[in-house]
C-alpha cells in the first residue's frame, strides 16, 4: 500500500503540473494533504510536531501548518538567503553591463574559426565557461542571444542550429550557483560548496562539455544535410546588430569576484560563505561605480535593483524550493521510497549486486527527475522534489549522499533544456522565429547522450568514493535527519 500510495501521489502531482497549475501551490497543497494522510493511515508523525498521546484533527492541521512555517524559516535563513544574494549580485552585474561586456568580448575568438561547425563547438565551450559566473540559465541565454547569436548568424549559421547549440549550455554548476548550493545543503555540506564542486561536480561537467563539444560539429552537419534533403533549409534571416555594451573593459572582471573570493578562501583555509562573498563583491563594485560616476544617488538606485532581484528570485526559485521540500517530506512519510530503498539496499548487500544496485538507483532517479523537469519547465522544482529523497537511499546503499544527489542535479538541468515550456527555450525559439518543439526535437538525441554520460561518470565517482560501512550509516542518517526540512 505504501508503494501504491507513493506512486499515486507522484502521478497526481505530475498531472496537475501538466495541466499548468502553479507548481508552488501544487507542491505545498499536495505535500500538506499527503502528510495528513500519512499520519492517519500509516501513523507517520508530522515532522517537527510536538509529541502527543492523542491528537485531534485540528491538532494535525495546525501541526502541518507549523511544519510549513518551520520550513520557510529554515530555508529563508539558509539556502534561500544564499540564492537571493547570488541573484542580487547577478542583477547588479547585468544592470551595470558587466556581464554583457563579458559575453560580448568572449565571442571575439569565435570569428577566427573558419569551419562554421567548429564555431558551434567553440560557442558551446565559451557559453559553458561563462556559466560558472552567470548562473541563470535563461539569463545567460539572453546575454548570448544579444552578443554571440548575431555573430553566428553573420557567419552563415542557420538560426535554428544556432539556438539549438545555445540551448545545450544547460548545466548549472559552480560554487555560486543556486542548484549547487542546494545540492550541498541536501548532503549536509552547505559550507563546502567549493569542495563538492572540485571533487565531484567538476568531473561530470567536464565530461559533458567534452562529449557534446565533439559531437556538435558532426551532429549538426548531419541535421543540416537532412533538412536540405527535405527542402526545409529556407530559414535565412537578417543578421541582428552586434552592440558593444557601454562600460569599461575592466568591468568584465567583476562577475568573477565572488568565484575568485570563494576559491581563494577554500585554498587558503579561510572560512567564507557565498553570501559574504557576494556582498563583499557588491561593496567593491559600489566603490568603483562611485569613483566612475561621482554620484552617490546612483548607488542607492543600484541597491534597489539588487533588492528587487532578490525579491523576484524568492518568488521564482526559493518559494519552489520550499514547496518542493514540503512535497518531498510528504512522499517520505508515505513510506514507499523507504521500502524501495530497503529493497535496493538488500540487493546491495550482495557483493555481486552492490554495484548494480547503485547504478540502477542513479539511473532511475536521474531519468525520473529528467522527466519531471521536462514537464515543469523548471530544473530546480524537479530537483528539490526528488533530490531530497536521494540521501536516504544513498546511505542505505552504502555510498556517500553526494554520489546520488549529483546525477539528479545534472539531470534536472538536462531535463529543463528538453522542456518546450522552459523560459530559456521559449526565448531562443522567439529569437530564431521557430517553435520550441523544433529546438527540442533537434537537441533530444544529444541530451539523452548527455544523460548517459552523467549516469556513467556519477557511477564511477560512486565506485571510487570510499564506501560507507554499515556501522557508519546510523550516524550519517542522524546527520541527514538533523538537516531535513
Protein backbone atom coordinates (compact mmCIF):
# COMPACT_ATOMS: atom_id res chain seq x y z
CA UNK A 1 0.00 0.00 0.00
CA UNK A 2 2.87 2.39 0.78
CA UNK A 3 4.37 1.98 -2.70
CA UNK A 4 0.97 2.33 -4.39
CA UNK A 5 0.13 5.50 -2.45
CA UNK A 6 3.57 6.96 -3.21
CA UNK A 7 3.21 6.33 -6.95
CA UNK A 8 -0.35 7.67 -6.88
CA UNK A 9 0.79 10.90 -5.19
CA UNK A 10 3.59 11.43 -7.73
CA UNK A 11 1.27 10.78 -10.69
CA UNK A 12 -1.43 13.12 -9.37
CA UNK A 13 1.05 15.95 -8.81
CA UNK A 14 2.54 15.39 -12.28
CA UNK A 15 -0.97 15.52 -13.77
CA UNK A 16 -1.82 18.88 -12.21
CA UNK A 17 1.53 20.36 -13.20
CA UNK A 18 0.90 19.20 -16.78
CA UNK A 19 -2.46 20.98 -16.52
CA UNK A 20 -0.48 24.19 -15.87
CA UNK A 21 -1.39 24.50 -12.17
CA UNK A 22 1.08 26.69 -10.29
CA UNK A 23 3.86 24.33 -9.10
CA UNK A 24 4.37 26.21 -5.83
CA UNK A 25 0.72 25.84 -4.86
CA UNK A 26 0.62 22.25 -6.15
CA UNK A 27 3.65 21.16 -4.14
CA UNK A 28 2.59 22.94 -0.94
CA UNK A 29 -1.03 21.81 -1.01
CA UNK A 30 -0.29 18.22 -2.05
CA UNK A 31 2.56 17.96 0.48
CA UNK A 32 0.28 19.04 3.29
CA UNK A 33 -2.52 16.65 2.25
CA UNK A 34 -0.03 13.76 1.97
CA UNK A 35 1.41 14.47 5.42
CA UNK A 36 -2.08 14.41 6.97
CA UNK A 37 -2.99 11.21 5.08
CA UNK A 38 0.27 9.53 6.15
CA UNK A 39 -0.39 10.50 9.78
CA UNK A 40 -3.80 8.83 9.87
CA UNK A 41 -3.20 5.86 7.55
CA UNK A 42 0.43 4.93 8.31
CA UNK A 43 0.84 6.58 11.70
CA UNK A 44 3.75 8.71 10.45
CA UNK A 45 4.15 11.74 12.73
CA UNK A 46 4.09 15.21 11.23
CA UNK A 47 7.72 16.42 11.01
CA UNK A 48 8.79 18.76 13.82
CA UNK A 49 5.43 18.33 15.54
CA UNK A 50 5.31 18.04 19.37
CA UNK A 51 4.74 14.50 20.64
CA UNK A 52 1.20 13.93 21.92
CA UNK A 53 -0.58 10.96 23.42
CA UNK A 54 -3.58 11.80 21.28
CA UNK A 55 -4.16 14.40 18.61
CA UNK A 56 -7.40 15.86 17.31
CA UNK A 57 -7.89 16.64 13.64
CA UNK A 58 -7.37 20.32 14.43
CA UNK A 59 -4.03 19.49 16.10
CA UNK A 60 -2.91 17.62 12.99
CA UNK A 61 -3.90 20.52 10.74
CA UNK A 62 -2.07 23.02 12.94
CA UNK A 63 1.00 20.76 13.11
CA UNK A 64 1.03 20.64 9.30
CA UNK A 65 0.97 24.42 9.05
CA UNK A 66 3.62 24.62 11.78
CA UNK A 67 5.85 22.36 9.67
CA UNK A 68 5.38 24.63 6.65
CA UNK A 69 6.25 27.64 8.84
CA UNK A 70 9.38 25.90 10.12
CA UNK A 71 10.36 25.05 6.54
CA UNK A 72 10.04 28.69 5.48
CA UNK A 73 12.16 29.81 8.44
CA UNK A 74 14.86 27.21 7.80
CA UNK A 75 15.15 27.83 4.08
CA UNK A 76 14.96 31.62 4.24
CA UNK A 77 17.73 31.69 6.83
CA UNK A 78 19.84 29.20 4.88
CA UNK A 79 19.78 28.21 1.22
CA UNK A 80 17.09 30.78 0.38
CA UNK A 81 19.19 33.72 1.51
CA UNK A 82 22.25 32.35 -0.29
CA UNK A 83 20.38 32.06 -3.59
CA UNK A 84 18.85 35.52 -3.13
CA UNK A 85 22.29 37.05 -2.59
CA UNK A 86 23.54 35.36 -5.77
CA UNK A 87 20.55 36.71 -7.70
CA UNK A 88 21.12 40.21 -6.34
CA UNK A 89 24.75 40.21 -7.43
CA UNK A 90 23.87 38.81 -10.88
CA UNK A 91 21.22 41.50 -11.38
CA UNK A 92 23.71 44.20 -10.42
CA UNK A 93 26.24 42.86 -12.94
CA UNK A 94 23.55 42.99 -15.61
CA UNK A 95 22.50 46.50 -14.53
CA UNK A 96 25.99 47.94 -14.96
CA UNK A 97 26.54 45.94 -18.21
CA UNK A 98 29.47 43.98 -16.74
CA UNK A 99 28.03 40.56 -17.62
CA UNK A 100 27.00 41.75 -21.12
CA UNK A 101 30.52 43.12 -21.70
CA UNK A 102 31.99 39.78 -20.64
CA UNK A 103 29.75 37.88 -23.07
CA UNK A 104 30.48 40.39 -25.85
CA UNK A 105 34.26 40.02 -25.54
CA UNK A 106 34.01 36.24 -25.09
CA UNK A 107 32.73 35.89 -28.68
CA UNK A 108 35.79 37.60 -30.21
CA UNK A 109 37.83 34.39 -30.73
CA UNK A 110 34.90 32.67 -32.47
CA UNK A 111 35.21 34.85 -35.57
CA UNK A 112 38.71 33.46 -36.19
CA UNK A 113 37.46 29.88 -36.66
CA UNK A 114 36.87 29.09 -40.34
CA UNK A 115 34.73 25.93 -40.10
CA UNK A 116 31.23 27.02 -39.07
CA UNK A 117 30.51 23.76 -37.26
CA UNK A 118 33.67 24.13 -35.21
CA UNK A 119 32.43 27.65 -34.40
CA UNK A 120 29.36 26.00 -32.88
CA UNK A 121 31.57 23.84 -30.66
CA UNK A 122 33.56 26.92 -29.67
CA UNK A 123 30.32 28.77 -28.85
CA UNK A 124 29.22 25.88 -26.66
CA UNK A 125 32.53 25.78 -24.78
CA UNK A 126 32.58 29.57 -24.28
CA UNK A 127 29.00 29.51 -23.04
CA UNK A 128 29.68 26.70 -20.58
CA UNK A 129 32.72 28.62 -19.28
CA UNK A 130 30.57 31.72 -18.74
CA UNK A 131 28.00 29.60 -16.86
CA UNK A 132 30.25 29.48 -13.78
CA UNK A 133 29.82 33.24 -13.29
CA UNK A 134 26.42 33.82 -14.93
CA UNK A 135 24.42 31.20 -13.10
CA UNK A 136 20.92 31.84 -14.51
CA UNK A 137 20.13 29.59 -17.49
CA UNK A 138 17.61 31.97 -19.03
CA UNK A 139 19.76 35.00 -18.10
CA UNK A 140 22.86 33.60 -19.79
CA UNK A 141 20.90 32.63 -22.91
CA UNK A 142 19.53 36.16 -23.23
CA UNK A 143 23.06 37.56 -22.98
CA UNK A 144 24.31 35.12 -25.61
CA UNK A 145 21.39 35.99 -27.87
CA UNK A 146 22.42 39.63 -27.66
CA UNK A 147 26.19 39.15 -28.00
CA UNK A 148 27.03 35.83 -29.69
CA UNK A 149 23.92 34.90 -31.70
CA UNK A 150 24.41 37.84 -34.14
CA UNK A 151 27.99 36.65 -34.74
CA UNK A 152 26.76 33.13 -35.57
CA UNK A 153 24.14 34.45 -38.00
CA UNK A 154 26.71 36.72 -39.67
CA UNK A 155 28.90 33.63 -40.19
CA UNK A 156 26.05 32.00 -42.17
CA UNK A 157 24.99 29.60 -39.44
CA UNK A 158 21.30 28.72 -39.56
CA UNK A 159 19.21 30.39 -36.83
CA UNK A 160 17.66 27.07 -35.75
CA UNK A 161 21.11 25.49 -35.48
CA UNK A 162 22.49 28.46 -33.55
CA UNK A 163 19.74 28.43 -30.93
CA UNK A 164 19.91 24.63 -30.61
CA UNK A 165 23.58 24.88 -29.63
CA UNK A 166 22.85 27.70 -27.20
CA UNK A 167 20.15 25.59 -25.54
CA UNK A 168 22.77 22.94 -24.76
CA UNK A 169 24.61 25.38 -22.47
CA UNK A 170 22.41 23.86 -19.83
CA UNK A 171 24.29 22.68 -16.75
CA UNK A 172 24.08 24.64 -13.50
CA UNK A 173 27.41 24.33 -11.74
CA UNK A 174 29.97 26.18 -9.68
CA UNK A 175 30.17 27.46 -6.11
CA UNK A 176 27.81 30.41 -6.66
CA UNK A 177 25.07 28.55 -8.49
CA UNK A 178 21.71 28.08 -6.77
CA UNK A 179 21.40 24.40 -7.69
CA UNK A 180 24.94 23.69 -6.45
CA UNK A 181 24.23 25.46 -3.16
CA UNK A 182 21.01 23.50 -2.80
CA UNK A 183 22.83 20.25 -3.56
CA UNK A 184 25.40 20.98 -0.86
CA UNK A 185 22.60 21.62 1.62
CA UNK A 186 20.89 18.33 0.74
CA UNK A 187 24.01 16.33 1.57
CA UNK A 188 24.72 18.27 4.76
CA UNK A 189 27.72 20.22 3.40
CA UNK A 190 26.32 23.68 2.71
CA UNK A 191 29.61 25.26 3.85
CA UNK A 192 31.62 23.11 1.43
CA UNK A 193 30.19 24.13 -1.95
CA UNK A 194 33.67 24.71 -3.42
CA UNK A 195 34.92 21.31 -2.23
CA UNK A 196 31.91 19.49 -3.70
CA UNK A 197 32.40 21.33 -6.97
CA UNK A 198 36.10 20.48 -7.25
CA UNK A 199 35.82 16.87 -6.12
CA UNK A 200 32.57 15.81 -7.78
CA UNK A 201 30.58 18.25 -9.90
CA UNK A 202 33.53 19.44 -11.99
CA UNK A 203 34.16 15.96 -13.42
CA UNK A 204 30.62 15.48 -14.66
CA UNK A 205 30.64 18.98 -16.19
CA UNK A 206 33.97 18.38 -17.96
CA UNK A 207 32.75 15.05 -19.33
CA UNK A 208 29.56 16.71 -20.60
CA UNK A 209 31.46 19.58 -22.24
CA UNK A 210 33.99 17.24 -23.87
CA UNK A 211 31.44 14.79 -25.29
CA UNK A 212 28.93 17.39 -26.53
CA UNK A 213 31.64 19.67 -27.98
CA UNK A 214 33.00 16.74 -30.01
CA UNK A 215 29.53 15.65 -31.19
CA UNK A 216 28.20 19.10 -32.14
CA UNK A 217 30.08 19.50 -35.49
CA UNK A 218 29.17 16.02 -36.74
CA UNK A 219 25.60 16.02 -35.46
CA UNK A 220 24.54 19.46 -36.71
CA UNK A 221 26.30 18.96 -40.06
CA UNK A 222 24.14 15.84 -40.44
CA UNK A 223 20.99 17.71 -39.31
CA UNK A 224 21.59 20.49 -41.85
CA UNK A 225 22.19 17.89 -44.58
CA UNK A 226 18.96 16.12 -43.63
CA UNK A 227 16.99 19.39 -43.65
CA UNK A 228 18.47 20.30 -47.04
CA UNK A 229 17.31 16.97 -48.45
CA UNK A 230 13.82 17.64 -47.08
CA UNK A 231 13.81 21.16 -48.55
CA UNK A 232 13.40 22.90 -45.20
CA UNK A 233 16.61 24.89 -45.26
CA UNK A 234 14.98 28.18 -46.28
CA UNK A 235 15.26 29.94 -42.95
CA UNK A 236 17.66 32.79 -43.70
CA UNK A 237 17.15 35.88 -41.55
CA UNK A 238 18.73 39.31 -41.38
CA UNK A 239 21.73 39.38 -39.06
CA UNK A 240 20.99 41.41 -35.90
CA UNK A 241 23.25 44.31 -34.99
CA UNK A 242 26.11 43.46 -32.65
CA UNK A 243 26.14 46.01 -29.83
CA UNK A 244 29.14 46.68 -27.61
CA UNK A 245 27.77 47.31 -24.07
CA UNK A 246 28.65 50.70 -22.64
CA UNK A 247 31.02 50.11 -19.74
CA UNK A 248 34.81 49.95 -19.26
CA UNK A 249 36.51 46.74 -20.35
CA UNK A 250 37.77 46.36 -16.77
CA UNK A 251 34.21 45.51 -15.77
CA UNK A 252 34.49 42.02 -17.28
CA UNK A 253 36.41 41.10 -14.11
CA UNK A 254 33.53 41.97 -11.77
CA UNK A 255 31.30 38.90 -12.43
CA UNK A 256 34.24 36.72 -11.39
CA UNK A 257 34.75 38.37 -8.00
CA UNK A 258 32.59 36.02 -5.84
CA UNK A 259 34.09 32.95 -7.55
CA UNK A 260 37.64 34.24 -7.01
CA UNK A 261 36.91 35.01 -3.36
CA UNK A 262 35.36 31.58 -2.74
CA UNK A 263 38.17 29.64 -4.40
CA UNK A 264 40.86 31.76 -2.71
CA UNK A 265 39.26 31.23 0.69
CA UNK A 266 38.96 27.49 0.06
CA UNK A 267 42.63 27.03 -0.85
CA UNK A 268 43.86 29.41 1.88
CA UNK A 269 41.78 27.65 4.53
CA UNK A 270 39.72 30.78 5.27
CA UNK A 271 36.06 30.34 6.16
CA UNK A 272 33.98 32.37 3.70
CA UNK A 273 30.36 31.72 2.80
CA UNK A 274 28.66 32.53 -0.50
CA UNK A 275 26.51 35.31 0.97
CA UNK A 276 29.52 37.18 2.34
CA UNK A 277 31.44 36.70 -0.93
CA UNK A 278 28.55 38.23 -2.89
CA UNK A 279 28.06 41.20 -0.56
CA UNK A 280 31.81 41.94 -0.38
CA UNK A 281 31.87 41.86 -4.19
CA UNK A 282 28.92 44.24 -4.38
CA UNK A 283 30.65 46.63 -1.97
CA UNK A 284 33.82 46.66 -4.06
CA UNK A 285 31.87 47.33 -7.27
CA UNK A 286 29.98 50.11 -5.47
CA UNK A 287 33.31 51.80 -4.75
CA UNK A 288 34.37 51.56 -8.40
CA UNK A 289 30.99 52.79 -9.62
CA UNK A 290 31.13 55.78 -7.26
CA UNK A 291 34.64 56.64 -8.44
CA UNK A 292 33.42 56.41 -12.04
CA UNK A 293 30.16 58.38 -11.77
CA UNK A 294 30.74 60.52 -8.64
CA UNK A 295 27.06 60.09 -7.82
CA UNK A 296 26.00 58.63 -4.51
CA UNK A 297 22.34 58.67 -5.54
CA UNK A 298 23.10 56.19 -8.31
CA UNK A 299 24.36 53.73 -5.71
CA UNK A 300 21.02 53.99 -3.94
CA UNK A 301 19.26 53.18 -7.20
CA UNK A 302 21.63 50.26 -7.74
CA UNK A 303 20.75 48.90 -4.30
CA UNK A 304 17.07 48.92 -5.28
CA UNK A 305 17.97 46.84 -8.36
CA UNK A 306 19.71 44.30 -6.13
CA UNK A 307 16.85 44.08 -3.64
CA UNK A 308 14.23 43.74 -6.38
CA UNK A 309 16.19 40.88 -7.90
CA UNK A 310 16.37 39.18 -4.51
CA UNK A 311 12.58 39.51 -4.18
CA UNK A 312 12.00 38.14 -7.69
CA UNK A 313 14.22 35.11 -7.11
CA UNK A 314 12.28 34.39 -3.93
CA UNK A 315 9.08 34.14 -5.96
CA UNK A 316 10.55 32.16 -8.85
CA UNK A 317 13.09 29.89 -7.13
CA UNK A 318 13.22 29.98 -3.33
CA UNK A 319 9.48 29.50 -2.94
CA UNK A 320 9.66 26.47 -5.24
CA UNK A 321 12.49 25.03 -3.13
CA UNK A 322 10.36 25.42 -0.01
CA UNK A 323 7.21 23.99 -1.59
CA UNK A 324 9.04 21.08 -3.21
CA UNK A 325 10.68 20.33 0.13
CA UNK A 326 7.25 20.03 1.78
CA UNK A 327 6.14 17.69 -1.01
CA UNK A 328 9.31 15.60 -0.65
CA UNK A 329 8.70 15.25 3.08
CA UNK A 330 5.17 14.08 2.33
CA UNK A 331 6.46 11.47 -0.13
CA UNK A 332 8.88 10.22 2.53
CA UNK A 333 6.04 9.98 5.05
CA UNK A 334 4.12 7.58 2.78
CA UNK A 335 6.93 5.07 3.17
CA UNK A 336 7.11 3.86 -0.43
CA UNK A 337 10.53 5.37 -1.01
CA UNK A 338 11.86 3.73 2.15
CA UNK A 339 10.58 0.32 1.05
CA UNK A 340 12.22 0.68 -2.37
CA UNK A 341 15.41 1.96 -0.75
CA UNK A 342 15.48 -1.01 1.62
CA UNK A 343 14.96 -3.37 -1.32
CA UNK A 344 17.84 -1.78 -3.22
CA UNK A 345 19.92 -1.84 -0.04
CA UNK A 346 19.24 -5.57 0.39
CA UNK A 347 20.34 -6.12 -3.19
CA UNK A 348 23.42 -4.05 -2.49
CA UNK A 349 24.38 -6.25 0.45
CA UNK A 350 25.28 -8.98 -2.03
CA UNK A 351 28.76 -8.23 -3.31
CA UNK A 352 27.96 -9.27 -6.87
CA UNK A 353 24.90 -6.98 -6.97
CA UNK A 354 26.18 -4.00 -4.95
CA UNK A 355 27.40 -2.06 -7.99
CA UNK A 356 24.24 -2.91 -9.92
CA UNK A 357 22.06 -1.52 -7.11
CA UNK A 358 23.96 1.78 -7.14
CA UNK A 359 23.84 2.04 -10.95
CA UNK A 360 20.12 1.28 -11.10
CA UNK A 361 19.38 3.84 -8.35
CA UNK A 362 21.37 6.55 -10.15
CA UNK A 363 19.69 5.79 -13.49
CA UNK A 364 16.11 5.56 -12.19
CA UNK A 365 16.26 8.71 -10.07
CA UNK A 366 18.08 10.66 -12.79
CA UNK A 367 15.54 9.83 -15.51
CA UNK A 368 12.67 10.45 -13.09
CA UNK A 369 13.96 13.97 -12.40
CA UNK A 370 14.74 14.47 -16.11
CA UNK A 371 11.13 13.67 -16.96
CA UNK A 372 9.67 15.91 -14.27
CA UNK A 373 11.93 18.79 -15.33
CA UNK A 374 10.61 18.39 -18.89
CA UNK A 375 7.04 18.54 -17.61
CA UNK A 376 7.59 21.50 -15.27
CA UNK A 377 9.97 23.53 -17.40
CA UNK A 378 11.93 24.06 -14.19
CA UNK A 379 15.01 22.13 -13.17
CA UNK A 380 15.08 23.43 -9.63
CA UNK A 381 11.49 22.33 -8.93
CA UNK A 382 12.13 18.76 -10.07
CA UNK A 383 15.48 18.63 -8.30
CA UNK A 384 14.02 19.70 -4.97
CA UNK A 385 11.00 17.45 -5.24
CA UNK A 386 13.10 14.30 -5.61
CA UNK A 387 16.65 15.30 -4.70
CA UNK A 388 15.81 15.33 -1.01
CA UNK A 389 14.81 11.68 -1.22
CA UNK A 390 18.23 10.65 -2.52
CA UNK A 391 20.41 10.98 0.63
CA UNK A 392 18.33 8.36 2.48
CA UNK A 393 18.64 5.96 -0.45
CA UNK A 394 22.38 6.62 -0.76
CA UNK A 395 23.12 5.83 2.87
CA UNK A 396 21.19 2.56 2.62
CA UNK A 397 23.22 1.65 -0.45
CA UNK A 398 26.41 2.40 1.46
CA UNK A 399 27.55 5.29 -0.75
CA UNK A 400 28.11 8.96 0.05
CA UNK A 401 24.92 11.03 -0.47
CA UNK A 402 26.65 13.34 -2.95
CA UNK A 403 27.23 10.46 -5.40
CA UNK A 404 23.46 10.03 -5.76
CA UNK A 405 22.36 13.66 -5.42
CA UNK A 406 24.87 14.92 -8.04
CA UNK A 407 23.47 12.99 -11.04
CA UNK A 408 19.97 14.11 -10.06
CA UNK A 409 21.10 17.75 -10.05
CA UNK A 410 22.67 17.36 -13.52
CA UNK A 411 19.58 15.51 -14.80
CA UNK A 412 17.33 18.37 -13.69
CA UNK A 413 19.35 20.78 -15.86
CA UNK A 414 19.25 18.48 -18.89
CA UNK A 415 15.51 17.95 -18.42
CA UNK A 416 14.94 21.70 -18.35
CA UNK A 417 16.84 22.03 -21.65
CA UNK A 418 14.49 19.35 -23.08
CA UNK A 419 11.34 21.21 -22.00
CA UNK A 420 9.39 23.24 -24.58
CA UNK A 421 7.89 25.34 -21.78
CA UNK A 422 11.21 26.33 -20.14
CA UNK A 423 11.75 30.10 -20.20
CA UNK A 424 15.16 29.85 -21.86
CA UNK A 425 13.90 27.59 -24.66
CA UNK A 426 10.96 29.89 -25.34
CA UNK A 427 13.31 32.89 -25.57
CA UNK A 428 15.57 31.05 -28.04
CA UNK A 429 12.61 29.99 -30.16
CA UNK A 430 11.34 33.57 -30.28
CA UNK A 431 14.69 34.91 -31.50
CA UNK A 432 15.01 32.30 -34.25
CA UNK A 433 11.29 32.51 -35.14
CA UNK A 434 10.81 28.76 -34.73
CA UNK A 435 8.68 26.57 -32.49
CA UNK A 436 10.16 25.47 -29.13
CA UNK A 437 9.46 21.88 -30.24
CA UNK A 438 11.72 22.40 -33.28
CA UNK A 439 14.58 23.04 -30.88
CA UNK A 440 13.68 20.11 -28.60
CA UNK A 441 13.42 17.64 -31.49
CA UNK A 442 16.92 18.53 -32.68
CA UNK A 443 18.63 18.55 -29.28
CA UNK A 444 16.90 15.49 -27.76
CA UNK A 445 19.49 12.93 -29.02
CA UNK A 446 22.39 14.97 -27.61
CA UNK A 447 20.59 15.47 -24.28
CA UNK A 448 19.94 11.73 -23.97
CA UNK A 449 23.61 11.03 -24.68
CA UNK A 450 24.44 13.61 -22.00
CA UNK A 451 22.16 11.74 -19.58
CA UNK A 452 24.11 8.52 -20.12
CA UNK A 453 27.41 10.41 -19.68
CA UNK A 454 26.04 11.86 -16.43
CA UNK A 455 24.99 8.44 -15.13
CA UNK A 456 28.26 6.72 -16.06
CA UNK A 457 30.53 9.42 -14.61
CA UNK A 458 28.43 9.62 -11.44
CA UNK A 459 28.57 5.83 -11.12
CA UNK A 460 32.36 5.97 -11.49
CA UNK A 461 32.55 8.62 -8.76
CA UNK A 462 30.40 6.38 -6.54
CA UNK A 463 32.82 3.50 -7.14
CA UNK A 464 35.99 5.45 -6.36
CA UNK A 465 34.45 7.17 -3.32
CA UNK A 466 35.16 5.21 -0.08
CA UNK A 467 32.15 3.05 0.76
CA UNK A 468 30.13 3.74 3.90
CA UNK A 469 30.42 0.92 6.38
CA UNK A 470 27.19 -0.36 7.99
CA UNK A 471 28.18 0.92 11.44
CA UNK A 472 28.60 4.40 9.98
CA UNK A 473 25.14 4.52 8.39
CA UNK A 474 23.23 5.19 11.58
CA UNK A 475 25.44 8.18 12.34
CA UNK A 476 25.03 9.58 8.81
CA UNK A 477 21.28 9.03 8.84
CA UNK A 478 21.07 11.00 12.09
CA UNK A 479 23.06 13.84 10.50
CA UNK A 480 20.78 13.86 7.45
CA UNK A 481 17.72 13.82 9.68
CA UNK A 482 19.01 16.88 11.52
CA UNK A 483 19.23 18.86 8.27
CA UNK A 484 15.86 17.77 6.84
CA UNK A 485 13.23 20.40 6.31
